[in-house]
Amino acid sequence: MTKAFASQGDLAEKTISFTEVGEGLFAFTAEGDPNTGVIIGDESVMIVEAQATPRLARKVIDCVRSVTDKPISHLVLTHYHAVRVLGASAYGAREIIMSDTAAAMVAERGQEDWDSEFGRFPRLFQGHEEIPGLTWPTTTFSESMTVYLGKRRIEIHTPGRAHTAGDAVIWVPDQEVMFTGDIVEDHSACYCGDGHFNDWPQTLDMIASFEPVAIAPGRGDALVGTDRVAAAIAGTEDFIRSTYKPVARVVARGGTLRDAWEAVRAECDPKFSDYAIYEHCLPFNVARAFDEARGIDTPRVWTAERDRQMWDALQG
């Protein structure tokens, strides 16, 4: 029986949780679907990650309205991926913030990524007819910037390459809470198709250096308490290393992409096969690791056609 492409077979609705991770700080999570963060300031609200469509964004807004009637003034997008950014119009935020690198990646590959992800994960794009187009920032920054929501200080940093070259994290110092985007996951596979394996562990170290007492990860449950934070960071690093090292060994001996696929399955299946979106991510992760191990520093652009070709080559 042919395996369904990417997450085309994942049609079950997920249970939403809205968890307080600090005073006035919340994580919107949904059993391994993309998470969204909420930061409530004195007079307004900041959202972290937009969701894939305005329809999904309105589920976030409903949760926000259950705890505050303050207007949404800021939207921070940790990277450029379609499932994170295309619901932006629903929030009506006056500021949409991305790193310079993430904004450049929207220009370089945003439409291709939209087309690609639409084919990979149709459930997340229900209501896609409402999407007005690519999401562009109103504000960009290079290494860091600070936003004040009244007296609440919010720091936005680029800690290093990981999930993409332009990842950002959001740090709320008064509560020692971080929103990490897809740099950190909890019991969910890391999507590494646009990633940087060799940089990712150092970027995780940078996140750990803040000593957060809670993290809202990119996927998976909210992480409250230093033990859960440390376990998720360590688990993410284990996933990254366990994916890349077998591929690097295959490349060093002149092996093929299919050889790399089999080596990663042998290493990762026993540890991670029950993780959310594991089977979805694995072929893209192996393909990117194979490229990086051969010295291709900039991830190649994924297109709907390339997705299918790669999937068929590895799954066939």
C-alpha atoms as a PDB file:
ATOM      1  CA  MET A   1       0.000   0.000   0.000  1.00  0.00           C
ATOM      2  CA  THR A   2       1.421   3.385  -1.005  1.00  0.00           C
ATOM      3  CA  LYS A   3       2.041   5.731   1.925  1.00  0.00           C
ATOM      4  CA  ALA A   4       0.086   9.013   1.738  1.00  0.00           C
ATOM      5  CA  PHE A   5       2.270  11.916   0.648  1.00  0.00           C
ATOM      6  CA  ALA A   6       3.583  14.008   3.563  1.00  0.00           C
ATOM      7  CA  SER A   7       0.545  14.757   5.802  1.00  0.00           C
ATOM      8  CA  GLN A   8      -2.214  14.362   3.216  1.00  0.00           C
ATOM      9  CA  GLY A   9      -3.580  11.476   5.268  1.00  0.00           C
ATOM     10  CA  ASP A  10      -3.658  13.510   8.497  1.00  0.00           C
ATOM     11  CA  LEU A  11      -7.259  14.701   8.465  1.00  0.00           C
ATOM     12  CA  ALA A  12      -8.256  14.406  12.131  1.00  0.00           C
ATOM     13  CA  GLU A  13      -8.982  17.633  13.973  1.00  0.00           C
ATOM     14  CA  LYS A  14      -6.681  18.280  16.916  1.00  0.00           C
ATOM     15  CA  THR A  15      -7.649  19.244  20.454  1.00  0.00           C
ATOM     16  CA  ILE A  16      -6.644  22.813  21.261  1.00  0.00           C
ATOM     17  CA  SER A  17      -5.020  23.773  24.558  1.00  0.00           C
ATOM     18  CA  PHE A  18      -4.473  27.324  25.780  1.00  0.00           C
ATOM     19  CA  THR A  19      -1.894  27.195  28.538  1.00  0.00           C
ATOM     20  CA  GLU A  20      -0.605  29.999  30.741  1.00  0.00           C
ATOM     21  CA  VAL A  21       3.205  29.874  30.702  1.00  0.00           C
ATOM     22  CA  GLY A  22       3.725  33.045  32.729  1.00  0.00           C
ATOM     23  CA  GLU A  23       1.731  36.012  33.939  1.00  0.00           C
ATOM     24  CA  GLY A  24      -0.093  37.315  30.871  1.00  0.00           C
ATOM     25  CA  LEU A  25       1.688  34.799  28.632  1.00  0.00           C
ATOM     26  CA  PHE A  26      -0.058  31.920  26.866  1.00  0.00           C
ATOM     27  CA  ALA A  27       0.712  29.085  24.462  1.00  0.00           C
ATOM     28  CA  PHE A  28      -1.924  27.993  21.950  1.00  0.00           C
ATOM     29  CA  THR A  29      -1.123  24.353  21.152  1.00  0.00           C
ATOM     30  CA  ALA A  30      -2.903  21.601  19.226  1.00  0.00           C
ATOM     31  CA  GLU A  31      -1.389  18.127  19.572  1.00  0.00           C
ATOM     32  CA  GLY A  32       1.632  18.689  17.351  1.00  0.00           C
ATOM     33  CA  ASP A  33       0.105  21.233  14.965  1.00  0.00           C
ATOM     34  CA  PRO A  34       1.857  24.630  14.752  1.00  0.00           C
ATOM     35  CA  ASN A  35       1.727  26.591  18.010  1.00  0.00           C
ATOM     36  CA  THR A  36       1.037  30.283  18.572  1.00  0.00           C
ATOM     37  CA  GLY A  37       2.139  32.486  21.477  1.00  0.00           C
ATOM     38  CA  VAL A  38       0.232  35.280  23.175  1.00  0.00           C
ATOM     39  CA  ILE A  39       1.843  38.117  25.148  1.00  0.00           C
ATOM     40  CA  ILE A  40      -0.485  40.508  26.969  1.00  0.00           C
ATOM     41  CA  GLY A  41       0.875  43.968  27.706  1.00  0.00           C
ATOM     42  CA  ASP A  42      -0.566  46.932  29.577  1.00  0.00           C
ATOM     43  CA  GLU A  43      -2.718  48.161  26.724  1.00  0.00           C
ATOM     44  CA  SER A  44      -2.357  45.676  23.860  1.00  0.00           C
ATOM     45  CA  VAL A  45      -1.415  42.144  22.822  1.00  0.00           C
ATOM     46  CA  MET A  46       1.453  40.643  20.821  1.00  0.00           C
ATOM     47  CA  ILE A  47       0.910  37.409  18.882  1.00  0.00           C
ATOM     48  CA  VAL A  48       3.812  35.083  18.047  1.00  0.00           C
ATOM     49  CA  GLU A  49       3.129  33.053  14.853  1.00  0.00           C
ATOM     50  CA  ALA A  50       0.050  33.656  12.727  1.00  0.00           C
ATOM     51  CA  GLN A  51      -1.121  30.110  11.785  1.00  0.00           C
ATOM     52  CA  ALA A  52      -1.614  28.975   8.190  1.00  0.00           C
ATOM     53  CA  THR A  53      -4.929  30.667   7.366  1.00  0.00           C
ATOM     54  CA  PRO A  54      -7.209  33.396   8.719  1.00  0.00           C
ATOM     55  CA  ARG A  55      -9.675  30.647   9.674  1.00  0.00           C
ATOM     56  CA  LEU A  56      -7.118  29.017  11.971  1.00  0.00           C
ATOM     57  CA  ALA A  57      -5.996  32.409  13.248  1.00  0.00           C
ATOM     58  CA  ARG A  58      -9.528  33.115  14.424  1.00  0.00           C
ATOM     59  CA  LYS A  59      -9.271  30.078  16.714  1.00  0.00           C
ATOM     60  CA  VAL A  60      -6.302  31.789  18.341  1.00  0.00           C
ATOM     61  CA  ILE A  61      -8.213  35.055  18.567  1.00  0.00           C
ATOM     62  CA  ASP A  62     -11.117  33.282  20.275  1.00  0.00           C
ATOM     63  CA  CYS A  63      -8.690  32.037  22.931  1.00  0.00           C
ATOM     64  CA  VAL A  64      -7.182  35.507  23.322  1.00  0.00           C
ATOM     65  CA  ARG A  65     -10.639  36.967  23.835  1.00  0.00           C
ATOM     66  CA  SER A  66     -11.256  34.444  26.609  1.00  0.00           C
ATOM     67  CA  VAL A  67      -8.548  36.174  28.698  1.00  0.00           C
ATOM     68  CA  THR A  68      -8.416  39.802  27.492  1.00  0.00           C
ATOM     69  CA  ASP A  69     -10.272  42.379  25.421  1.00  0.00           C
ATOM     70  CA  LYS A  70      -7.113  44.385  24.678  1.00  0.00           C
ATOM     71  CA  PRO A  71      -6.425  44.987  20.966  1.00  0.00           C
ATOM     72  CA  ILE A  72      -3.808  42.983  19.068  1.00  0.00           C
ATOM     73  CA  SER A  73      -1.123  45.474  18.101  1.00  0.00           C
ATOM     74  CA  HIS A  74       1.903  43.340  17.175  1.00  0.00           C
ATOM     75  CA  LEU A  75       2.501  40.085  15.320  1.00  0.00           C
ATOM     76  CA  VAL A  76       5.951  38.488  15.401  1.00  0.00           C
ATOM     77  CA  LEU A  77       6.775  35.799  12.858  1.00  0.00           C
ATOM     78  CA  THR A  78       9.757  33.664  13.864  1.00  0.00           C
ATOM     79  CA  HIS A  79      10.435  32.546  10.269  1.00  0.00           C
ATOM     80  CA  TYR A  80       8.919  32.544   6.790  1.00  0.00           C
ATOM     81  CA  HIS A  81       7.135  29.189   6.478  1.00  0.00           C
ATOM     82  CA  ALA A  82       3.600  29.322   5.112  1.00  0.00           C
ATOM     83  CA  VAL A  83       1.997  27.419   8.001  1.00  0.00           C
ATOM     84  CA  ARG A  84       3.325  30.116  10.336  1.00  0.00           C
ATOM     85  CA  VAL A  85       2.575  33.303   8.445  1.00  0.00           C
ATOM     86  CA  LEU A  86      -0.355  33.151   6.023  1.00  0.00           C
ATOM     87  CA  GLY A  87      -3.055  33.713   8.653  1.00  0.00           C
ATOM     88  CA  ALA A  88      -1.615  37.133   9.500  1.00  0.00           C
ATOM     89  CA  SER A  89      -4.419  39.227   8.025  1.00  0.00           C
ATOM     90  CA  ALA A  90      -6.935  38.017  10.625  1.00  0.00           C
ATOM     91  CA  TYR A  91      -5.190  39.781  13.505  1.00  0.00           C
ATOM     92  CA  GLY A  92      -5.279  43.311  12.146  1.00  0.00           C
ATOM     93  CA  ALA A  93      -1.942  44.051  13.848  1.00  0.00           C
ATOM     94  CA  ARG A  94      -0.387  47.413  13.036  1.00  0.00           C
ATOM     95  CA  GLU A  95       3.126  45.920  13.226  1.00  0.00           C
ATOM     96  CA  ILE A  96       4.252  42.653  11.663  1.00  0.00           C
ATOM     97  CA  ILE A  97       7.827  41.850  12.678  1.00  0.00           C
ATOM     98  CA  MET A  98      10.361  39.489  11.057  1.00  0.00           C
ATOM     99  CA  SER A  99      14.122  39.280  10.974  1.00  0.00           C
ATOM    100  CA  ASP A 100      15.800  40.761   7.919  1.00  0.00           C
ATOM    101  CA  THR A 101      16.813  37.280   6.803  1.00  0.00           C
ATOM    102  CA  ALA A 102      13.298  35.864   7.180  1.00  0.00           C
ATOM    103  CA  ALA A 103      11.873  38.762   5.167  1.00  0.00           C
ATOM    104  CA  ALA A 104      14.431  38.135   2.422  1.00  0.00           C
ATOM    105  CA  MET A 105      13.390  34.480   2.370  1.00  0.00           C
ATOM    106  CA  VAL A 106       9.765  35.493   1.794  1.00  0.00           C
ATOM    107  CA  ALA A 107      10.943  37.337  -1.300  1.00  0.00           C
ATOM    108  CA  GLU A 108      13.250  34.539  -2.402  1.00  0.00           C
ATOM    109  CA  ARG A 109      11.076  31.473  -1.818  1.00  0.00           C
ATOM    110  CA  GLY A 110       7.813  32.454  -0.115  1.00  0.00           C
ATOM    111  CA  GLN A 111       5.498  31.558  -2.985  1.00  0.00           C
ATOM    112  CA  GLU A 112       7.248  28.265  -3.656  1.00  0.00           C
ATOM    113  CA  ASP A 113       6.998  27.406   0.043  1.00  0.00           C
ATOM    114  CA  TRP A 114       3.278  28.247   0.062  1.00  0.00           C
ATOM    115  CA  ASP A 115       2.628  26.020  -2.950  1.00  0.00           C
ATOM    116  CA  SER A 116       4.746  23.253  -1.448  1.00  0.00           C
ATOM    117  CA  GLU A 117       3.168  23.301   2.024  1.00  0.00           C
ATOM    118  CA  PHE A 118      -0.336  23.515   0.601  1.00  0.00           C
ATOM    119  CA  GLY A 119       0.262  20.155  -1.057  1.00  0.00           C
ATOM    120  CA  ARG A 120       1.933  18.622   1.966  1.00  0.00           C
ATOM    121  CA  PHE A 121      -0.616  19.460   4.671  1.00  0.00           C
ATOM    122  CA  PRO A 122      -4.073  20.244   3.271  1.00  0.00           C
ATOM    123  CA  ARG A 123      -5.844  20.130   6.649  1.00  0.00           C
ATOM    124  CA  LEU A 124      -3.909  23.165   7.836  1.00  0.00           C
ATOM    125  CA  PHE A 125      -5.028  25.157   4.801  1.00  0.00           C
ATOM    126  CA  GLN A 126      -8.772  24.855   5.242  1.00  0.00           C
ATOM    127  CA  GLY A 127     -10.187  28.262   4.384  1.00  0.00           C
ATOM    128  CA  HIS A 128      -7.180  29.110   2.230  1.00  0.00           C
ATOM    129  CA  GLU A 129      -9.434  31.159  -0.067  1.00  0.00           C
ATOM    130  CA  GLU A 130      -9.266  33.978   2.503  1.00  0.00           C
ATOM    131  CA  ILE A 131      -5.480  34.331   2.347  1.00  0.00           C
ATOM    132  CA  PRO A 132      -4.841  37.701   0.657  1.00  0.00           C
ATOM    133  CA  GLY A 133      -1.323  36.826  -0.500  1.00  0.00           C
ATOM    134  CA  LEU A 134       2.177  36.472   0.871  1.00  0.00           C
ATOM    135  CA  THR A 135       2.704  37.945   4.343  1.00  0.00           C
ATOM    136  CA  TRP A 136       5.192  40.811   4.386  1.00  0.00           C
ATOM    137  CA  PRO A 137       6.595  42.462   7.512  1.00  0.00           C
ATOM    138  CA  THR A 138       6.106  46.115   8.360  1.00  0.00           C
ATOM    139  CA  THR A 139       9.227  46.036  10.550  1.00  0.00           C
ATOM    140  CA  THR A 140      12.467  44.062  10.266  1.00  0.00           C
ATOM    141  CA  PHE A 141      15.607  43.811  12.398  1.00  0.00           C
ATOM    142  CA  SER A 142      19.035  42.248  12.076  1.00  0.00           C
ATOM    143  CA  GLU A 143      20.204  40.823  15.418  1.00  0.00           C
ATOM    144  CA  SER A 144      17.759  42.049  18.053  1.00  0.00           C
ATOM    145  CA  MET A 145      15.053  44.568  18.785  1.00  0.00           C
ATOM    146  CA  THR A 146      12.950  45.583  21.773  1.00  0.00           C
ATOM    147  CA  VAL A 147       9.231  46.229  21.874  1.00  0.00           C
ATOM    148  CA  TYR A 148       7.395  47.758  24.812  1.00  0.00           C
ATOM    149  CA  LEU A 149       3.745  46.922  25.385  1.00  0.00           C
ATOM    150  CA  GLY A 150       3.317  49.663  27.945  1.00  0.00           C
ATOM    151  CA  LYS A 151       5.764  48.753  30.713  1.00  0.00           C
ATOM    152  CA  ARG A 152       6.202  45.173  29.530  1.00  0.00           C
ATOM    153  CA  ARG A 153       9.539  44.761  27.759  1.00  0.00           C
ATOM    154  CA  ILE A 154       9.775  42.167  25.003  1.00  0.00           C
ATOM    155  CA  GLU A 155      13.072  41.259  23.368  1.00  0.00           C
ATOM    156  CA  ILE A 156      13.281  39.657  19.924  1.00  0.00           C
ATOM    157  CA  HIS A 157      16.566  37.974  19.018  1.00  0.00           C
ATOM    158  CA  THR A 158      18.116  35.984  16.186  1.00  0.00           C
ATOM    159  CA  PRO A 159      20.019  33.324  18.167  1.00  0.00           C
ATOM    160  CA  GLY A 160      21.564  31.612  15.138  1.00  0.00           C
ATOM    161  CA  ARG A 161      20.686  29.384  12.221  1.00  0.00           C
ATOM    162  CA  ALA A 162      18.603  26.329  13.042  1.00  0.00           C
ATOM    163  CA  HIS A 163      15.159  25.546  11.600  1.00  0.00           C
ATOM    164  CA  THR A 164      15.871  28.230   8.972  1.00  0.00           C
ATOM    165  CA  ALA A 165      18.584  30.817   8.423  1.00  0.00           C
ATOM    166  CA  GLY A 166      16.350  33.607   9.723  1.00  0.00           C
ATOM    167  CA  ASP A 167      14.887  32.198  12.956  1.00  0.00           C
ATOM    168  CA  ALA A 168      13.878  34.553  15.737  1.00  0.00           C
ATOM    169  CA  VAL A 169      12.991  33.951  19.384  1.00  0.00           C
ATOM    170  CA  ILE A 170      10.931  36.144  21.690  1.00  0.00           C
ATOM    171  CA  TRP A 171      12.085  36.658  25.279  1.00  0.00           C
ATOM    172  CA  VAL A 172       9.899  38.129  28.025  1.00  0.00           C
ATOM    173  CA  PRO A 173      12.373  38.973  30.805  1.00  0.00           C
ATOM    174  CA  ASP A 174       9.887  39.836  33.562  1.00  0.00           C
ATOM    175  CA  GLN A 175       8.661  36.215  33.493  1.00  0.00           C
ATOM    176  CA  GLU A 176      11.807  34.531  32.087  1.00  0.00           C
ATOM    177  CA  VAL A 177       9.726  32.930  29.344  1.00  0.00           C
ATOM    178  CA  MET A 178      10.769  32.311  25.739  1.00  0.00           C
ATOM    179  CA  PHE A 179       8.797  31.665  22.560  1.00  0.00           C
ATOM    180  CA  THR A 180      11.201  29.677  20.388  1.00  0.00           C
ATOM    181  CA  GLY A 181       9.361  28.955  17.169  1.00  0.00           C
ATOM    182  CA  ASP A 182      10.523  25.701  15.591  1.00  0.00           C
ATOM    183  CA  ILE A 183      14.023  25.835  17.037  1.00  0.00           C
ATOM    184  CA  VAL A 184      12.685  23.815  19.996  1.00  0.00           C
ATOM    185  CA  GLU A 185      10.003  21.122  19.721  1.00  0.00           C
ATOM    186  CA  ASP A 186       8.378  18.879  22.312  1.00  0.00           C
ATOM    187  CA  HIS A 187       7.603  15.284  21.318  1.00  0.00           C
ATOM    188  CA  SER A 188       7.340  16.458  17.731  1.00  0.00           C
ATOM    189  CA  ALA A 189       9.729  15.862  14.863  1.00  0.00           C
ATOM    190  CA  CYS A 190      11.857  18.820  13.856  1.00  0.00           C
ATOM    191  CA  TYR A 191      11.280  19.828  10.264  1.00  0.00           C
ATOM    192  CA  CYS A 192      14.799  20.276   8.884  1.00  0.00           C
ATOM    193  CA  GLY A 193      14.123  20.644   5.163  1.00  0.00           C
ATOM    194  CA  ASP A 194      15.293  24.267   5.284  1.00  0.00           C
ATOM    195  CA  GLY A 195      17.545  23.792   8.289  1.00  0.00           C
ATOM    196  CA  HIS A 196      21.182  24.032   9.267  1.00  0.00           C
ATOM    197  CA  PHE A 197      22.142  20.881  11.154  1.00  0.00           C
ATOM    198  CA  ASN A 198      25.643  21.894  12.162  1.00  0.00           C
ATOM    199  CA  ASP A 199      24.524  25.260  13.546  1.00  0.00           C
ATOM    200  CA  TRP A 200      21.369  24.048  15.317  1.00  0.00           C
ATOM    201  CA  PRO A 201      22.996  22.658  18.525  1.00  0.00           C
ATOM    202  CA  GLN A 202      24.892  25.918  19.105  1.00  0.00           C
ATOM    203  CA  THR A 203      21.655  27.845  18.636  1.00  0.00           C
ATOM    204  CA  LEU A 204      20.011  25.610  21.241  1.00  0.00           C
ATOM    205  CA  ASP A 205      22.889  26.441  23.590  1.00  0.00           C
ATOM    206  CA  MET A 206      22.169  30.124  23.056  1.00  0.00           C
ATOM    207  CA  ILE A 207      18.526  29.568  24.016  1.00  0.00           C
ATOM    208  CA  ALA A 208      19.557  27.600  27.104  1.00  0.00           C
ATOM    209  CA  SER A 209      21.868  30.453  28.146  1.00  0.00           C
ATOM    210  CA  PHE A 210      18.804  32.619  28.843  1.00  0.00           C
ATOM    211  CA  GLU A 211      17.822  30.066  31.508  1.00  0.00           C
ATOM    212  CA  PRO A 212      14.100  30.186  30.695  1.00  0.00           C
ATOM    213  CA  VAL A 213      11.680  28.872  33.308  1.00  0.00           C
ATOM    214  CA  ALA A 214       9.125  28.154  30.580  1.00  0.00           C
ATOM    215  CA  ILE A 215       9.120  27.803  26.803  1.00  0.00           C
ATOM    216  CA  ALA A 216       6.349  27.875  24.244  1.00  0.00           C
ATOM    217  CA  PRO A 217       7.874  25.608  21.546  1.00  0.00           C
ATOM    218  CA  GLY A 218       7.041  25.505  17.870  1.00  0.00           C
ATOM    219  CA  ARG A 219       5.106  22.249  18.183  1.00  0.00           C
ATOM    220  CA  GLY A 220       4.110  20.146  21.146  1.00  0.00           C
ATOM    221  CA  ASP A 221       2.974  21.016  24.653  1.00  0.00           C
ATOM    222  CA  ALA A 222       3.831  24.172  26.550  1.00  0.00           C
ATOM    223  CA  LEU A 223       6.951  23.589  28.637  1.00  0.00           C
ATOM    224  CA  VAL A 224       6.557  24.940  32.159  1.00  0.00           C
ATOM    225  CA  GLY A 225       9.385  24.406  34.619  1.00  0.00           C
ATOM    226  CA  THR A 226      13.133  24.221  34.125  1.00  0.00           C
ATOM    227  CA  ASP A 227      13.163  20.407  34.040  1.00  0.00           C
ATOM    228  CA  ARG A 228      10.720  20.288  31.119  1.00  0.00           C
ATOM    229  CA  VAL A 229      12.584  23.088  29.345  1.00  0.00           C
ATOM    230  CA  ALA A 230      15.911  21.280  29.683  1.00  0.00           C
ATOM    231  CA  ALA A 231      14.419  17.979  28.531  1.00  0.00           C
ATOM    232  CA  ALA A 232      12.900  19.542  25.403  1.00  0.00           C
ATOM    233  CA  ILE A 233      16.118  21.329  24.475  1.00  0.00           C
ATOM    234  CA  ALA A 234      18.103  18.117  24.971  1.00  0.00           C
ATOM    235  CA  GLY A 235      15.514  16.113  23.047  1.00  0.00           C
ATOM    236  CA  THR A 236      15.592  18.540  20.142  1.00  0.00           C
ATOM    237  CA  GLU A 237      19.382  18.364  20.001  1.00  0.00           C
ATOM    238  CA  ASP A 238      19.253  14.568  20.074  1.00  0.00           C
ATOM    239  CA  PHE A 239      16.826  14.578  17.151  1.00  0.00           C
ATOM    240  CA  ILE A 240      19.074  16.896  15.102  1.00  0.00           C
ATOM    241  CA  ARG A 241      22.270  14.947  15.783  1.00  0.00           C
ATOM    242  CA  SER A 242      20.590  11.570  15.289  1.00  0.00           C
ATOM    243  CA  THR A 243      19.365  12.688  11.877  1.00  0.00           C
ATOM    244  CA  TYR A 244      22.576  14.285  10.617  1.00  0.00           C
ATOM    245  CA  LYS A 245      25.328  11.961  11.836  1.00  0.00           C
ATOM    246  CA  PRO A 246      24.164   8.844   9.945  1.00  0.00           C
ATOM    247  CA  VAL A 247      23.843  10.909   6.779  1.00  0.00           C
ATOM    248  CA  ALA A 248      27.314  12.397   7.204  1.00  0.00           C
ATOM    249  CA  ARG A 249      28.766   8.902   7.521  1.00  0.00           C
ATOM    250  CA  VAL A 250      26.979   7.769   4.356  1.00  0.00           C
ATOM    251  CA  VAL A 251      28.221  10.804   2.411  1.00  0.00           C
ATOM    252  CA  ALA A 252      31.786  10.269   3.668  1.00  0.00           C
ATOM    253  CA  ARG A 253      31.856   6.789   2.153  1.00  0.00           C
ATOM    254  CA  GLY A 254      30.275   7.895  -1.124  1.00  0.00           C
ATOM    255  CA  GLY A 255      26.823   6.473  -0.446  1.00  0.00           C
ATOM    256  CA  THR A 256      23.534   7.464  -2.053  1.00  0.00           C
ATOM    257  CA  LEU A 257      20.529   9.418  -0.837  1.00  0.00           C
ATOM    258  CA  ARG A 258      18.688   6.116  -0.458  1.00  0.00           C
ATOM    259  CA  ASP A 259      21.551   4.792   1.690  1.00  0.00           C
ATOM    260  CA  ALA A 260      21.222   7.901   3.859  1.00  0.00           C
ATOM    261  CA  TRP A 261      17.465   7.333   4.180  1.00  0.00           C
ATOM    262  CA  GLU A 262      17.981   3.789   5.429  1.00  0.00           C
ATOM    263  CA  ALA A 263      20.709   4.873   7.862  1.00  0.00           C
ATOM    264  CA  VAL A 264      18.511   7.578   9.385  1.00  0.00           C
ATOM    265  CA  ARG A 265      15.572   5.218   9.712  1.00  0.00           C
ATOM    266  CA  ALA A 266      17.783   2.754  11.579  1.00  0.00           C
ATOM    267  CA  GLU A 267      18.989   5.472  13.962  1.00  0.00           C
ATOM    268  CA  CYS A 268      15.823   7.510  14.461  1.00  0.00           C
ATOM    269  CA  ASP A 269      12.880   5.105  14.204  1.00  0.00           C
ATOM    270  CA  PRO A 270      13.539   3.457  17.592  1.00  0.00           C
ATOM    271  CA  LYS A 271      13.642   6.832  19.342  1.00  0.00           C
ATOM    272  CA  PHE A 272      11.272   9.115  17.478  1.00  0.00           C
ATOM    273  CA  SER A 273       8.738   7.149  15.444  1.00  0.00           C
ATOM    274  CA  ASP A 274       5.897   8.129  17.805  1.00  0.00           C
ATOM    275  CA  TYR A 275       6.646  11.853  17.466  1.00  0.00           C
ATOM    276  CA  ALA A 276       4.107  14.123  15.762  1.00  0.00           C
ATOM    277  CA  ILE A 277       4.738  14.606  12.003  1.00  0.00           C
ATOM    278  CA  TYR A 278       7.703  12.216  12.123  1.00  0.00           C
ATOM    279  CA  GLU A 279       6.903  10.423   8.882  1.00  0.00           C
ATOM    280  CA  HIS A 280       6.058  13.761   7.236  1.00  0.00           C
ATOM    281  CA  CYS A 281       9.403  15.307   8.126  1.00  0.00           C
ATOM    282  CA  LEU A 282      11.778  12.388   7.640  1.00  0.00           C
ATOM    283  CA  PRO A 283      12.232  12.456   3.834  1.00  0.00           C
ATOM    284  CA  PHE A 284      12.718  16.239   3.763  1.00  0.00           C
ATOM    285  CA  ASN A 285      15.151  16.012   6.672  1.00  0.00           C
ATOM    286  CA  VAL A 286      17.229  13.305   5.012  1.00  0.00           C
ATOM    287  CA  ALA A 287      17.353  15.209   1.728  1.00  0.00           C
ATOM    288  CA  ARG A 288      18.545  18.390   3.448  1.00  0.00           C
ATOM    289  CA  ALA A 289      21.076  16.537   5.613  1.00  0.00           C
ATOM    290  CA  PHE A 290      22.438  14.836   2.483  1.00  0.00           C
ATOM    291  CA  ASP A 291      22.915  18.243   0.857  1.00  0.00           C
ATOM    292  CA  GLU A 292      24.533  19.811   3.910  1.00  0.00           C
ATOM    293  CA  ALA A 293      26.917  16.885   4.345  1.00  0.00           C
ATOM    294  CA  ARG A 294      27.997  17.422   0.720  1.00  0.00           C
ATOM    295  CA  GLY A 295      28.787  21.085   1.419  1.00  0.00           C
ATOM    296  CA  ILE A 296      25.576  22.743   0.184  1.00  0.00           C
ATOM    297  CA  ASP A 297      25.217  25.485   2.793  1.00  0.00           C
ATOM    298  CA  THR A 298      22.067  27.216   1.545  1.00  0.00           C
ATOM    299  CA  PRO A 299      19.025  24.928   1.534  1.00  0.00           C
ATOM    300  CA  ARG A 300      17.644  24.387  -1.943  1.00  0.00           C
ATOM    301  CA  VAL A 301      14.164  25.765  -2.588  1.00  0.00           C
ATOM    302  CA  TRP A 302      11.392  23.235  -2.171  1.00  0.00           C
ATOM    303  CA  THR A 303       8.707  23.267  -4.829  1.00  0.00           C
ATOM    304  CA  ALA A 304       5.603  21.114  -5.167  1.00  0.00           C
ATOM    305  CA  GLU A 305       7.332  19.230  -7.993  1.00  0.00           C
ATOM    306  CA  ARG A 306      10.567  18.690  -6.081  1.00  0.00           C
ATOM    307  CA  ASP A 307       8.586  17.499  -3.045  1.00  0.00           C
ATOM    308  CA  ARG A 308       6.985  14.723  -5.065  1.00  0.00           C
ATOM    309  CA  GLN A 309      10.164  13.681  -6.809  1.00  0.00           C
ATOM    310  CA  MET A 310      12.034  13.400  -3.506  1.00  0.00           C
ATOM    311  CA  TRP A 311       9.164  11.592  -1.769  1.00  0.00           C
ATOM    312  CA  ASP A 312       8.827   9.049  -4.555  1.00  0.00           C
ATOM    313  CA  ALA A 313      12.585   8.460  -4.658  1.00  0.00           C
ATOM    314  CA  LEU A 314      12.767   7.705  -0.926  1.00  0.00           C
ATOM    315  CA  GLN A 315       9.434   6.067  -0.227  1.00  0.00           C
ATOM    316  CA  GLY A 316       9.307   4.008  -3.422  1.00  0.00           C
END
